[in-house]
Amino acid sequence: MPGDVQQYDCIVIGKGLIGSAAARYLKSSLNRVAIIGPDEPIHNLSKAQVFASHYDQSRVQRVIGIDPVWTLLNKKSTSHYPKLEAESGIQFHYAVGCLYVTPDGKDNYLKNLPNQA
């Protein structure tokens, strides 16, 4: 209705991976959060268009990164998974371990793993 004004504590521009995560995080401490961006099409895509990075729950999330900073960020993000699962009622993370193979044993990533863990 023209003339109606809605007020928000925060407005997030972008409904993608980062914007939706930011809006969800802000909602935990603010009452009125709006997120603005195009909706994903419901069906009948007429051409190849990407609207989400992943539509399924079968993605691998590596904890030990390529350097100490990425490893720390990965550990911090995974530490929030149980809370997100409890709040959403959806279990999405299953820790299953990893097998890393290198043909000649001279792989820098593999060599530095003990320092990253």
PDB file of N, CA and C in Angstrom:
ATOM      1  N   MET A   1       0.848  -1.166   0.000  1.00  0.00           N
ATOM      2  CA  MET A   1       0.000   0.000   0.000  1.00  0.00           C
ATOM      3  C   MET A   1       0.898   1.235   0.000  1.00  0.00           C
ATOM      4  N   PRO A   2       0.707   2.172  -0.919  1.00  0.00           N
ATOM      5  CA  PRO A   2       1.526   3.379  -0.965  1.00  0.00           C
ATOM      6  C   PRO A   2       1.442   4.130   0.356  1.00  0.00           C
ATOM      7  N   GLY A   3       2.584   4.641   0.772  1.00  0.00           N
ATOM      8  CA  GLY A   3       2.626   5.394   2.011  1.00  0.00           C
ATOM      9  C   GLY A   3       3.009   4.555   3.219  1.00  0.00           C
ATOM     10  N   ASP A   4       2.886   3.222   3.108  1.00  0.00           N
ATOM     11  CA  ASP A   4       3.317   2.367   4.211  1.00  0.00           C
ATOM     12  C   ASP A   4       4.839   2.367   4.265  1.00  0.00           C
ATOM     13  N   VAL A   5       5.384   2.595   5.430  1.00  0.00           N
ATOM     14  CA  VAL A   5       6.832   2.617   5.605  1.00  0.00           C
ATOM     15  C   VAL A   5       7.211   1.519   6.586  1.00  0.00           C
ATOM     16  N   GLN A   6       8.114   0.669   6.170  1.00  0.00           N
ATOM     17  CA  GLN A   6       8.627  -0.365   7.063  1.00  0.00           C
ATOM     18  C   GLN A   6      10.000   0.062   7.537  1.00  0.00           C
ATOM     19  N   GLN A   7      10.276  -0.148   8.790  1.00  0.00           N
ATOM     20  CA  GLN A   7      11.566   0.221   9.351  1.00  0.00           C
ATOM     21  C   GLN A   7      12.316  -1.042   9.763  1.00  0.00           C
ATOM     22  N   TYR A   8      13.615  -1.025   9.531  1.00  0.00           N
ATOM     23  CA  TYR A   8      14.464  -2.166   9.846  1.00  0.00           C
ATOM     24  C   TYR A   8      15.664  -1.699  10.652  1.00  0.00           C
ATOM     25  N   ASP A   9      16.181  -2.603  11.455  1.00  0.00           N
ATOM     26  CA  ASP A   9      17.417  -2.329  12.180  1.00  0.00           C
ATOM     27  C   ASP A   9      18.615  -2.451  11.248  1.00  0.00           C
ATOM     28  N   CYS A  10      18.498  -3.320  10.258  1.00  0.00           N
ATOM     29  CA  CYS A  10      19.585  -3.534   9.308  1.00  0.00           C
ATOM     30  C   CYS A  10      19.007  -4.088   8.010  1.00  0.00           C
ATOM     31  N   ILE A  11      19.571  -3.673   6.902  1.00  0.00           N
ATOM     32  CA  ILE A  11      19.186  -4.198   5.594  1.00  0.00           C
ATOM     33  C   ILE A  11      20.432  -4.787   4.943  1.00  0.00           C
ATOM     34  N   VAL A  12      20.331  -6.037   4.526  1.00  0.00           N
ATOM     35  CA  VAL A  12      21.429  -6.720   3.851  1.00  0.00           C
ATOM     36  C   VAL A  12      21.111  -6.752   2.364  1.00  0.00           C
ATOM     37  N   ILE A  13      22.049  -6.297   1.556  1.00  0.00           N
ATOM     38  CA  ILE A  13      21.883  -6.316   0.108  1.00  0.00           C
ATOM     39  C   ILE A  13      22.564  -7.573  -0.422  1.00  0.00           C
ATOM     40  N   GLY A  14      21.780  -8.463  -1.021  1.00  0.00           N
ATOM     41  CA  GLY A  14      22.298  -9.706  -1.583  1.00  0.00           C
ATOM     42  C   GLY A  14      21.760 -10.907  -0.844  1.00  0.00           C
ATOM     43  N   LYS A  15      21.119 -11.821  -1.584  1.00  0.00           N
ATOM     44  CA  LYS A  15      20.539 -13.025  -0.988  1.00  0.00           C
ATOM     45  C   LYS A  15      21.390 -14.268  -1.244  1.00  0.00           C
ATOM     46  N   GLY A  16      22.598 -14.062  -1.663  1.00  0.00           N
ATOM     47  CA  GLY A  16      23.457 -15.205  -1.966  1.00  0.00           C
ATOM     48  C   GLY A  16      24.061 -15.818  -0.716  1.00  0.00           C
ATOM     49  N   LEU A  17      25.140 -16.542  -0.910  1.00  0.00           N
ATOM     50  CA  LEU A  17      25.798 -17.269   0.167  1.00  0.00           C
ATOM     51  C   LEU A  17      26.195 -16.345   1.314  1.00  0.00           C
ATOM     52  N   ILE A  18      26.857 -15.254   1.024  1.00  0.00           N
ATOM     53  CA  ILE A  18      27.335 -14.345   2.068  1.00  0.00           C
ATOM     54  C   ILE A  18      26.195 -13.512   2.634  1.00  0.00           C
ATOM     55  N   GLY A  19      25.348 -12.961   1.782  1.00  0.00           N
ATOM     56  CA  GLY A  19      24.245 -12.126   2.249  1.00  0.00           C
ATOM     57  C   GLY A  19      23.273 -12.874   3.131  1.00  0.00           C
ATOM     58  N   SER A  20      22.914 -14.091   2.741  1.00  0.00           N
ATOM     59  CA  SER A  20      21.968 -14.859   3.555  1.00  0.00           C
ATOM     60  C   SER A  20      22.586 -15.255   4.889  1.00  0.00           C
ATOM     61  N   ALA A  21      23.873 -15.579   4.885  1.00  0.00           N
ATOM     62  CA  ALA A  21      24.552 -15.903   6.144  1.00  0.00           C
ATOM     63  C   ALA A  21      24.640 -14.675   7.042  1.00  0.00           C
ATOM     64  N   ALA A  22      24.948 -13.521   6.445  1.00  0.00           N
ATOM     65  CA  ALA A  22      25.026 -12.285   7.227  1.00  0.00           C
ATOM     66  C   ALA A  22      23.672 -11.937   7.834  1.00  0.00           C
ATOM     67  N   ALA A  23      22.614 -12.061   7.056  1.00  0.00           N
ATOM     68  CA  ALA A  23      21.271 -11.750   7.557  1.00  0.00           C
ATOM     69  C   ALA A  23      20.877 -12.701   8.684  1.00  0.00           C
ATOM     70  N   ARG A  24      21.198 -13.951   8.537  1.00  0.00           N
ATOM     71  CA  ARG A  24      20.879 -14.926   9.576  1.00  0.00           C
ATOM     72  C   ARG A  24      21.634 -14.601  10.861  1.00  0.00           C
ATOM     73  N   TYR A  25      22.898 -14.245  10.751  1.00  0.00           N
ATOM     74  CA  TYR A  25      23.705 -13.890  11.921  1.00  0.00           C
ATOM     75  C   TYR A  25      23.166 -12.619  12.584  1.00  0.00           C
ATOM     76  N   LEU A  26      22.850 -11.610  11.793  1.00  0.00           N
ATOM     77  CA  LEU A  26      22.318 -10.357  12.336  1.00  0.00           C
ATOM     78  C   LEU A  26      20.994 -10.571  13.053  1.00  0.00           C
ATOM     79  N   LYS A  27      20.184 -11.485  12.551  1.00  0.00           N
ATOM     80  CA  LYS A  27      18.867 -11.743  13.141  1.00  0.00           C
ATOM     81  C   LYS A  27      18.977 -12.261  14.573  1.00  0.00           C
ATOM     82  N   SER A  28      20.115 -12.831  14.929  1.00  0.00           N
ATOM     83  CA  SER A  28      20.273 -13.340  16.291  1.00  0.00           C
ATOM     84  C   SER A  28      20.394 -12.218  17.317  1.00  0.00           C
ATOM     85  N   SER A  29      20.739 -11.004  16.867  1.00  0.00           N
ATOM     86  CA  SER A  29      20.865  -9.894  17.814  1.00  0.00           C
ATOM     87  C   SER A  29      19.991  -8.686  17.474  1.00  0.00           C
ATOM     88  N   LEU A  30      19.366  -8.678  16.306  1.00  0.00           N
ATOM     89  CA  LEU A  30      18.498  -7.568  15.908  1.00  0.00           C
ATOM     90  C   LEU A  30      17.088  -8.088  15.655  1.00  0.00           C
ATOM     91  N   ASN A  31      16.098  -7.252  15.903  1.00  0.00           N
ATOM     92  CA  ASN A  31      14.707  -7.681  15.716  1.00  0.00           C
ATOM     93  C   ASN A  31      14.255  -7.643  14.265  1.00  0.00           C
ATOM     94  N   ARG A  32      14.630  -6.581  13.553  1.00  0.00           N
ATOM     95  CA  ARG A  32      14.086  -6.372  12.208  1.00  0.00           C
ATOM     96  C   ARG A  32      15.220  -6.334  11.186  1.00  0.00           C
ATOM     97  N   VAL A  33      15.395  -7.426  10.487  1.00  0.00           N
ATOM     98  CA  VAL A  33      16.434  -7.533   9.466  1.00  0.00           C
ATOM     99  C   VAL A  33      15.755  -7.826   8.136  1.00  0.00           C
ATOM    100  N   ALA A  34      16.098  -7.050   7.129  1.00  0.00           N
ATOM    101  CA  ALA A  34      15.578  -7.288   5.777  1.00  0.00           C
ATOM    102  C   ALA A  34      16.733  -7.742   4.897  1.00  0.00           C
ATOM    103  N   ILE A  35      16.424  -8.595   3.946  1.00  0.00           N
ATOM    104  CA  ILE A  35      17.416  -9.025   2.966  1.00  0.00           C
ATOM    105  C   ILE A  35      16.826  -8.759   1.586  1.00  0.00           C
ATOM    106  N   ILE A  36      17.605  -8.081   0.758  1.00  0.00           N
ATOM    107  CA  ILE A  36      17.127  -7.642  -0.550  1.00  0.00           C
ATOM    108  C   ILE A  36      17.959  -8.296  -1.647  1.00  0.00           C
ATOM    109  N   GLY A  37      17.293  -8.837  -2.641  1.00  0.00           N
ATOM    110  CA  GLY A  37      17.975  -9.439  -3.774  1.00  0.00           C
ATOM    111  C   GLY A  37      16.984 -10.240  -4.583  1.00  0.00           C
ATOM    112  N   PRO A  38      17.397 -10.691  -5.753  1.00  0.00           N
ATOM    113  CA  PRO A  38      16.473 -11.457  -6.592  1.00  0.00           C
ATOM    114  C   PRO A  38      16.190 -12.823  -5.990  1.00  0.00           C
ATOM    115  N   ASP A  39      14.939 -13.262  -6.130  1.00  0.00           N
ATOM    116  CA  ASP A  39      14.577 -14.610  -5.713  1.00  0.00           C
ATOM    117  C   ASP A  39      15.065 -15.603  -6.752  1.00  0.00           C
ATOM    118  N   GLU A  40      15.297 -16.822  -6.303  1.00  0.00           N
ATOM    119  CA  GLU A  40      15.660 -17.868  -7.242  1.00  0.00           C
ATOM    120  C   GLU A  40      14.413 -18.309  -7.993  1.00  0.00           C
ATOM    121  N   PRO A  41      14.581 -18.698  -9.253  1.00  0.00           N
ATOM    122  CA  PRO A  41      13.415 -19.185  -9.995  1.00  0.00           C
ATOM    123  C   PRO A  41      12.905 -20.484  -9.385  1.00  0.00           C
ATOM    124  N   ILE A  42      11.605 -20.649  -9.378  1.00  0.00           N
ATOM    125  CA  ILE A  42      11.002 -21.847  -8.804  1.00  0.00           C
ATOM    126  C   ILE A  42      11.162 -23.037  -9.749  1.00  0.00           C
ATOM    127  N   HIS A  43      11.015 -22.816 -11.036  1.00  0.00           N
ATOM    128  CA  HIS A  43      11.126 -23.893 -12.011  1.00  0.00           C
ATOM    129  C   HIS A  43      11.284 -23.283 -13.407  1.00  0.00           C
ATOM    130  N   ASN A  44      11.416 -24.140 -14.387  1.00  0.00           N
ATOM    131  CA  ASN A  44      11.464 -23.744 -15.802  1.00  0.00           C
ATOM    132  C   ASN A  44      12.595 -22.774 -16.139  1.00  0.00           C
ATOM    133  N   LEU A  45      13.811 -23.139 -15.797  1.00  0.00           N
ATOM    134  CA  LEU A  45      14.934 -22.317 -16.233  1.00  0.00           C
ATOM    135  C   LEU A  45      15.078 -22.461 -17.740  1.00  0.00           C
ATOM    136  N   SER A  46      15.107 -21.351 -18.445  1.00  0.00           N
ATOM    137  CA  SER A  46      15.180 -21.410 -19.900  1.00  0.00           C
ATOM    138  C   SER A  46      16.616 -21.424 -20.407  1.00  0.00           C
ATOM    139  N   LYS A  47      17.567 -21.095 -19.561  1.00  0.00           N
ATOM    140  CA  LYS A  47      18.969 -21.141 -19.965  1.00  0.00           C
ATOM    141  C   LYS A  47      19.811 -21.462 -18.736  1.00  0.00           C
ATOM    142  N   ALA A  48      21.056 -21.791 -18.970  1.00  0.00           N
ATOM    143  CA  ALA A  48      21.938 -22.148 -17.862  1.00  0.00           C
ATOM    144  C   ALA A  48      22.248 -20.902 -17.038  1.00  0.00           C
ATOM    145  N   GLN A  49      21.731 -20.877 -15.841  1.00  0.00           N
ATOM    146  CA  GLN A  49      21.979 -19.765 -14.931  1.00  0.00           C
ATOM    147  C   GLN A  49      22.311 -20.325 -13.553  1.00  0.00           C
ATOM    148  N   VAL A  50      23.261 -19.711 -12.889  1.00  0.00           N
ATOM    149  CA  VAL A  50      23.624 -20.136 -11.549  1.00  0.00           C
ATOM    150  C   VAL A  50      22.914 -19.236 -10.553  1.00  0.00           C
ATOM    151  N   PHE A  51      22.147 -19.823  -9.653  1.00  0.00           N
ATOM    152  CA  PHE A  51      21.456 -19.057  -8.627  1.00  0.00           C
ATOM    153  C   PHE A  51      21.913 -19.442  -7.231  1.00  0.00           C
ATOM    154  N   ALA A  52      22.667 -20.501  -7.093  1.00  0.00           N
ATOM    155  CA  ALA A  52      23.196 -20.911  -5.799  1.00  0.00           C
ATOM    156  C   ALA A  52      24.510 -21.637  -6.031  1.00  0.00           C
ATOM    157  N   SER A  53      25.366 -21.607  -5.035  1.00  0.00           N
ATOM    158  CA  SER A  53      26.635 -22.304  -5.204  1.00  0.00           C
ATOM    159  C   SER A  53      26.449 -23.814  -5.112  1.00  0.00           C
ATOM    160  N   HIS A  54      25.560 -24.268  -4.227  1.00  0.00           N
ATOM    161  CA  HIS A  54      25.288 -25.697  -4.075  1.00  0.00           C
ATOM    162  C   HIS A  54      23.824 -25.885  -3.710  1.00  0.00           C
ATOM    163  N   TYR A  55      23.160 -26.799  -4.379  1.00  0.00           N
ATOM    164  CA  TYR A  55      21.764 -27.093  -4.064  1.00  0.00           C
ATOM    165  C   TYR A  55      21.616 -28.365  -3.239  1.00  0.00           C
ATOM    166  N   ASP A  56      22.692 -29.025  -2.954  1.00  0.00           N
ATOM    167  CA  ASP A  56      22.576 -30.273  -2.205  1.00  0.00           C
ATOM    168  C   ASP A  56      23.353 -30.171  -0.901  1.00  0.00           C
ATOM    169  N   GLN A  57      23.303 -31.224  -0.122  1.00  0.00           N
ATOM    170  CA  GLN A  57      23.980 -31.240   1.164  1.00  0.00           C
ATOM    171  C   GLN A  57      25.208 -32.138   1.147  1.00  0.00           C
ATOM    172  N   SER A  58      25.724 -32.446  -0.012  1.00  0.00           N
ATOM    173  CA  SER A  58      26.827 -33.403  -0.076  1.00  0.00           C
ATOM    174  C   SER A  58      28.148 -32.729  -0.420  1.00  0.00           C
ATOM    175  N   ARG A  59      28.441 -31.647   0.235  1.00  0.00           N
ATOM    176  CA  ARG A  59      29.689 -30.945  -0.021  1.00  0.00           C
ATOM    177  C   ARG A  59      30.731 -31.310   1.023  1.00  0.00           C
ATOM    178  N   VAL A  60      31.981 -31.318   0.612  1.00  0.00           N
ATOM    179  CA  VAL A  60      33.087 -31.605   1.509  1.00  0.00           C
ATOM    180  C   VAL A  60      33.568 -30.293   2.112  1.00  0.00           C
ATOM    181  N   GLN A  61      33.765 -30.299   3.398  1.00  0.00           N
ATOM    182  CA  GLN A  61      34.291 -29.119   4.076  1.00  0.00           C
ATOM    183  C   GLN A  61      35.595 -29.527   4.737  1.00  0.00           C
ATOM    184  N   ARG A  62      36.685 -28.988   4.241  1.00  0.00           N
ATOM    185  CA  ARG A  62      38.004 -29.328   4.765  1.00  0.00           C
ATOM    186  C   ARG A  62      38.296 -28.451   5.976  1.00  0.00           C
ATOM    187  N   VAL A  63      38.772 -29.059   7.052  1.00  0.00           N
ATOM    188  CA  VAL A  63      39.105 -28.291   8.248  1.00  0.00           C
ATOM    189  C   VAL A  63      40.550 -27.819   8.186  1.00  0.00           C
ATOM    190  N   ILE A  64      41.466 -28.701   7.846  1.00  0.00           N
ATOM    191  CA  ILE A  64      42.867 -28.306   7.770  1.00  0.00           C
ATOM    192  C   ILE A  64      43.087 -27.609   6.441  1.00  0.00           C
ATOM    193  N   GLY A  65      43.419 -26.319   6.516  1.00  0.00           N
ATOM    194  CA  GLY A  65      43.569 -25.504   5.318  1.00  0.00           C
ATOM    195  C   GLY A  65      44.981 -25.501   4.776  1.00  0.00           C
ATOM    196  N   ILE A  66      45.204 -24.628   3.804  1.00  0.00           N
ATOM    197  CA  ILE A  66      46.521 -24.556   3.173  1.00  0.00           C
ATOM    198  C   ILE A  66      47.510 -23.741   3.988  1.00  0.00           C
ATOM    199  N   ASP A  67      47.029 -23.031   5.001  1.00  0.00           N
ATOM    200  CA  ASP A  67      47.902 -22.278   5.891  1.00  0.00           C
ATOM    201  C   ASP A  67      47.206 -22.127   7.247  1.00  0.00           C
ATOM    202  N   PRO A  68      47.911 -21.638   8.263  1.00  0.00           N
ATOM    203  CA  PRO A  68      47.320 -21.539   9.600  1.00  0.00           C
ATOM    204  C   PRO A  68      46.076 -20.654   9.673  1.00  0.00           C
ATOM    205  N   VAL A  69      46.011 -19.607   8.867  1.00  0.00           N
ATOM    206  CA  VAL A  69      44.849 -18.713   8.911  1.00  0.00           C
ATOM    207  C   VAL A  69      43.599 -19.438   8.424  1.00  0.00           C
ATOM    208  N   TRP A  70      43.698 -20.118   7.269  1.00  0.00           N
ATOM    209  CA  TRP A  70      42.542 -20.849   6.749  1.00  0.00           C
ATOM    210  C   TRP A  70      42.135 -21.982   7.683  1.00  0.00           C
ATOM    211  N   THR A  71      43.112 -22.633   8.283  1.00  0.00           N
ATOM    212  CA  THR A  71      42.797 -23.699   9.231  1.00  0.00           C
ATOM    213  C   THR A  71      42.017 -23.147  10.416  1.00  0.00           C
ATOM    214  N   LEU A  72      42.456 -22.021  10.962  1.00  0.00           N
ATOM    215  CA  LEU A  72      41.753 -21.395  12.084  1.00  0.00           C
ATOM    216  C   LEU A  72      40.332 -20.997  11.691  1.00  0.00           C
ATOM    217  N   LEU A  73      40.172 -20.377  10.525  1.00  0.00           N
ATOM    218  CA  LEU A  73      38.837 -19.982  10.063  1.00  0.00           C
ATOM    219  C   LEU A  73      37.935 -21.195   9.864  1.00  0.00           C
ATOM    220  N   ASN A  74      38.479 -22.264   9.290  1.00  0.00           N
ATOM    221  CA  ASN A  74      37.697 -23.489   9.090  1.00  0.00           C
ATOM    222  C   ASN A  74      37.266 -24.097  10.419  1.00  0.00           C
ATOM    223  N   LYS A  75      38.186 -24.140  11.385  1.00  0.00           N
ATOM    224  CA  LYS A  75      37.849 -24.691  12.699  1.00  0.00           C
ATOM    225  C   LYS A  75      36.766 -23.859  13.379  1.00  0.00           C
ATOM    226  N   LYS A  76      36.895 -22.535  13.293  1.00  0.00           N
ATOM    227  CA  LYS A  76      35.897 -21.664  13.922  1.00  0.00           C
ATOM    228  C   LYS A  76      34.525 -21.837  13.274  1.00  0.00           C
ATOM    229  N   SER A  77      34.491 -21.947  11.953  1.00  0.00           N
ATOM    230  CA  SER A  77      33.189 -22.088  11.294  1.00  0.00           C
ATOM    231  C   SER A  77      32.537 -23.422  11.640  1.00  0.00           C
ATOM    232  N   THR A  78      33.311 -24.502  11.656  1.00  0.00           N
ATOM    233  CA  THR A  78      32.718 -25.799  11.981  1.00  0.00           C
ATOM    234  C   THR A  78      32.291 -25.886  13.439  1.00  0.00           C
ATOM    235  N   SER A  79      32.894 -25.091  14.311  1.00  0.00           N
ATOM    236  CA  SER A  79      32.482 -25.122  15.721  1.00  0.00           C
ATOM    237  C   SER A  79      31.066 -24.581  15.909  1.00  0.00           C
ATOM    238  N   HIS A  80      30.557 -23.843  14.929  1.00  0.00           N
ATOM    239  CA  HIS A  80      29.195 -23.301  15.002  1.00  0.00           C
ATOM    240  C   HIS A  80      28.153 -24.248  14.404  1.00  0.00           C
ATOM    241  N   TYR A  81      28.580 -25.298  13.741  1.00  0.00           N
ATOM    242  CA  TYR A  81      27.635 -26.212  13.104  1.00  0.00           C
ATOM    243  C   TYR A  81      26.628 -26.826  14.079  1.00  0.00           C
ATOM    244  N   PRO A  82      27.056 -27.326  15.249  1.00  0.00           N
ATOM    245  CA  PRO A  82      26.062 -27.925  16.155  1.00  0.00           C
ATOM    246  C   PRO A  82      24.947 -26.952  16.550  1.00  0.00           C
ATOM    247  N   LYS A  83      25.297 -25.701  16.789  1.00  0.00           N
ATOM    248  CA  LYS A  83      24.273 -24.712  17.146  1.00  0.00           C
ATOM    249  C   LYS A  83      23.316 -24.480  15.972  1.00  0.00           C
ATOM    250  N   LEU A  84      23.862 -24.361  14.769  1.00  0.00           N
ATOM    251  CA  LEU A  84      23.015 -24.172  13.586  1.00  0.00           C
ATOM    252  C   LEU A  84      22.105 -25.378  13.366  1.00  0.00           C
ATOM    253  N   GLU A  85      22.646 -26.570  13.578  1.00  0.00           N
ATOM    254  CA  GLU A  85      21.828 -27.772  13.424  1.00  0.00           C
ATOM    255  C   GLU A  85      20.707 -27.808  14.459  1.00  0.00           C
ATOM    256  N   ALA A  86      21.034 -27.447  15.706  1.00  0.00           N
ATOM    257  CA  ALA A  86      20.016 -27.453  16.765  1.00  0.00           C
ATOM    258  C   ALA A  86      18.923 -26.426  16.493  1.00  0.00           C
ATOM    259  N   GLU A  87      19.324 -25.227  16.055  1.00  0.00           N
ATOM    260  CA  GLU A  87      18.344 -24.169  15.799  1.00  0.00           C
ATOM    261  C   GLU A  87      17.471 -24.459  14.590  1.00  0.00           C
ATOM    262  N   SER A  88      18.056 -25.093  13.575  1.00  0.00           N
ATOM    263  CA  SER A  88      17.297 -25.352  12.346  1.00  0.00           C
ATOM    264  C   SER A  88      16.560 -26.689  12.380  1.00  0.00           C
ATOM    265  N   GLY A  89      17.012 -27.594  13.237  1.00  0.00           N
ATOM    266  CA  GLY A  89      16.429 -28.929  13.253  1.00  0.00           C
ATOM    267  C   GLY A  89      16.902 -29.795  12.099  1.00  0.00           C
ATOM    268  N   ILE A  90      17.946 -29.350  11.408  1.00  0.00           N
ATOM    269  CA  ILE A  90      18.467 -30.079  10.248  1.00  0.00           C
ATOM    270  C   ILE A  90      19.915 -30.467  10.520  1.00  0.00           C
ATOM    271  N   GLN A  91      20.197 -31.766  10.522  1.00  0.00           N
ATOM    272  CA  GLN A  91      21.585 -32.189  10.635  1.00  0.00           C
ATOM    273  C   GLN A  91      22.195 -32.157   9.242  1.00  0.00           C
ATOM    274  N   PHE A  92      23.205 -31.345   9.066  1.00  0.00           N
ATOM    275  CA  PHE A  92      23.821 -31.199   7.752  1.00  0.00           C
ATOM    276  C   PHE A  92      25.304 -31.536   7.750  1.00  0.00           C
ATOM    277  N   HIS A  93      25.889 -31.756   8.913  1.00  0.00           N
ATOM    278  CA  HIS A  93      27.323 -32.017   8.964  1.00  0.00           C
ATOM    279  C   HIS A  93      27.582 -33.403   9.537  1.00  0.00           C
ATOM    280  N   TYR A  94      28.339 -34.177   8.792  1.00  0.00           N
ATOM    281  CA  TYR A  94      28.722 -35.516   9.218  1.00  0.00           C
ATOM    282  C   TYR A  94      30.238 -35.617   9.085  1.00  0.00           C
ATOM    283  N   ALA A  95      30.945 -35.645  10.200  1.00  0.00           N
ATOM    284  CA  ALA A  95      32.404 -35.758  10.159  1.00  0.00           C
ATOM    285  C   ALA A  95      32.768 -37.179   9.753  1.00  0.00           C
ATOM    286  N   VAL A  96      33.508 -37.314   8.673  1.00  0.00           N
ATOM    287  CA  VAL A  96      33.822 -38.646   8.160  1.00  0.00           C
ATOM    288  C   VAL A  96      35.312 -38.892   7.976  1.00  0.00           C
ATOM    289  N   GLY A  97      36.150 -37.920   8.251  1.00  0.00           N
ATOM    290  CA  GLY A  97      37.577 -38.121   8.078  1.00  0.00           C
ATOM    291  C   GLY A  97      38.017 -37.882   6.648  1.00  0.00           C
ATOM    292  N   CYS A  98      39.291 -38.185   6.394  1.00  0.00           N
ATOM    293  CA  CYS A  98      39.856 -37.874   5.082  1.00  0.00           C
ATOM    294  C   CYS A  98      41.012 -38.821   4.779  1.00  0.00           C
ATOM    295  N   LEU A  99      41.148 -39.162   3.540  1.00  0.00           N
ATOM    296  CA  LEU A  99      42.308 -39.909   3.061  1.00  0.00           C
ATOM    297  C   LEU A  99      42.981 -39.038   2.011  1.00  0.00           C
ATOM    298  N   TYR A 100      44.234 -38.677   2.258  1.00  0.00           N
ATOM    299  CA  TYR A 100      44.975 -37.829   1.326  1.00  0.00           C
ATOM    300  C   TYR A 100      46.118 -38.656   0.764  1.00  0.00           C
ATOM    301  N   VAL A 101      46.222 -38.703  -0.546  1.00  0.00           N
ATOM    302  CA  VAL A 101      47.224 -39.530  -1.204  1.00  0.00           C
ATOM    303  C   VAL A 101      48.073 -38.656  -2.114  1.00  0.00           C
ATOM    304  N   THR A 102      49.368 -38.881  -2.076  1.00  0.00           N
ATOM    305  CA  THR A 102      50.278 -38.186  -2.985  1.00  0.00           C
ATOM    306  C   THR A 102      51.170 -39.239  -3.646  1.00  0.00           C
ATOM    307  N   PRO A 103      51.442 -39.099  -4.933  1.00  0.00           N
ATOM    308  CA  PRO A 103      52.155 -40.157  -5.650  1.00  0.00           C
ATOM    309  C   PRO A 103      53.601 -40.372  -5.204  1.00  0.00           C
ATOM    310  N   ASP A 104      54.310 -39.313  -4.823  1.00  0.00           N
ATOM    311  CA  ASP A 104      55.725 -39.500  -4.505  1.00  0.00           C
ATOM    312  C   ASP A 104      56.098 -39.078  -3.080  1.00  0.00           C
ATOM    313  N   GLY A 105      55.146 -38.657  -2.289  1.00  0.00           N
ATOM    314  CA  GLY A 105      55.428 -38.265  -0.910  1.00  0.00           C
ATOM    315  C   GLY A 105      56.075 -36.907  -0.761  1.00  0.00           C
ATOM    316  N   LYS A 106      56.200 -36.167  -1.850  1.00  0.00           N
ATOM    317  CA  LYS A 106      56.859 -34.859  -1.801  1.00  0.00           C
ATOM    318  C   LYS A 106      55.850 -33.733  -1.979  1.00  0.00           C
ATOM    319  N   ASP A 107      54.753 -33.831  -1.295  1.00  0.00           N
ATOM    320  CA  ASP A 107      53.682 -32.853  -1.422  1.00  0.00           C
ATOM    321  C   ASP A 107      53.771 -31.857  -0.265  1.00  0.00           C
ATOM    322  N   ASN A 108      53.873 -30.557  -0.563  1.00  0.00           N
ATOM    323  CA  ASN A 108      54.017 -29.550   0.489  1.00  0.00           C
ATOM    324  C   ASN A 108      52.817 -29.511   1.424  1.00  0.00           C
ATOM    325  N   TYR A 109      51.617 -29.677   0.890  1.00  0.00           N
ATOM    326  CA  TYR A 109      50.422 -29.676   1.740  1.00  0.00           C
ATOM    327  C   TYR A 109      50.499 -30.816   2.749  1.00  0.00           C
ATOM    328  N   LEU A 110      50.809 -32.007   2.271  1.00  0.00           N
ATOM    329  CA  LEU A 110      50.902 -33.171   3.146  1.00  0.00           C
ATOM    330  C   LEU A 110      52.035 -32.998   4.160  1.00  0.00           C
ATOM    331  N   LYS A 111      53.143 -32.434   3.716  1.00  0.00           N
ATOM    332  CA  LYS A 111      54.291 -32.223   4.595  1.00  0.00           C
ATOM    333  C   LYS A 111      53.948 -31.288   5.758  1.00  0.00           C
ATOM    334  N   ASN A 112      53.111 -30.284   5.503  1.00  0.00           N
ATOM    335  CA  ASN A 112      52.777 -29.297   6.532  1.00  0.00           C
ATOM    336  C   ASN A 112      51.562 -29.662   7.379  1.00  0.00           C
ATOM    337  N   LEU A 113      50.891 -30.768   7.081  1.00  0.00           N
ATOM    338  CA  LEU A 113      49.690 -31.137   7.837  1.00  0.00           C
ATOM    339  C   LEU A 113      49.903 -31.216   9.346  1.00  0.00           C
ATOM    340  N   PRO A 114      50.987 -31.833   9.825  1.00  0.00           N
ATOM    341  CA  PRO A 114      51.149 -31.892  11.287  1.00  0.00           C
ATOM    342  C   PRO A 114      51.210 -30.509  11.940  1.00  0.00           C
ATOM    343  N   ASN A 115      51.732 -29.521  11.246  1.00  0.00           N
ATOM    344  CA  ASN A 115      51.808 -28.164  11.797  1.00  0.00           C
ATOM    345  C   ASN A 115      50.467 -27.447  11.760  1.00  0.00           C
ATOM    346  N   GLN A 116      49.566 -27.872  10.882  1.00  0.00           N
ATOM    347  CA  GLN A 116      48.274 -27.208  10.721  1.00  0.00           C
ATOM    348  C   GLN A 116      47.211 -27.763  11.657  1.00  0.00           C
ATOM    349  N   ALA A 117      47.320 -29.025  11.995  1.00  0.00           N
ATOM    350  CA  ALA A 117      46.255 -29.696  12.765  1.00  0.00           C
ATOM    351  C   ALA A 117      46.102 -29.152  14.174  1.00  0.00           C
TER     352      ALA A 117
END
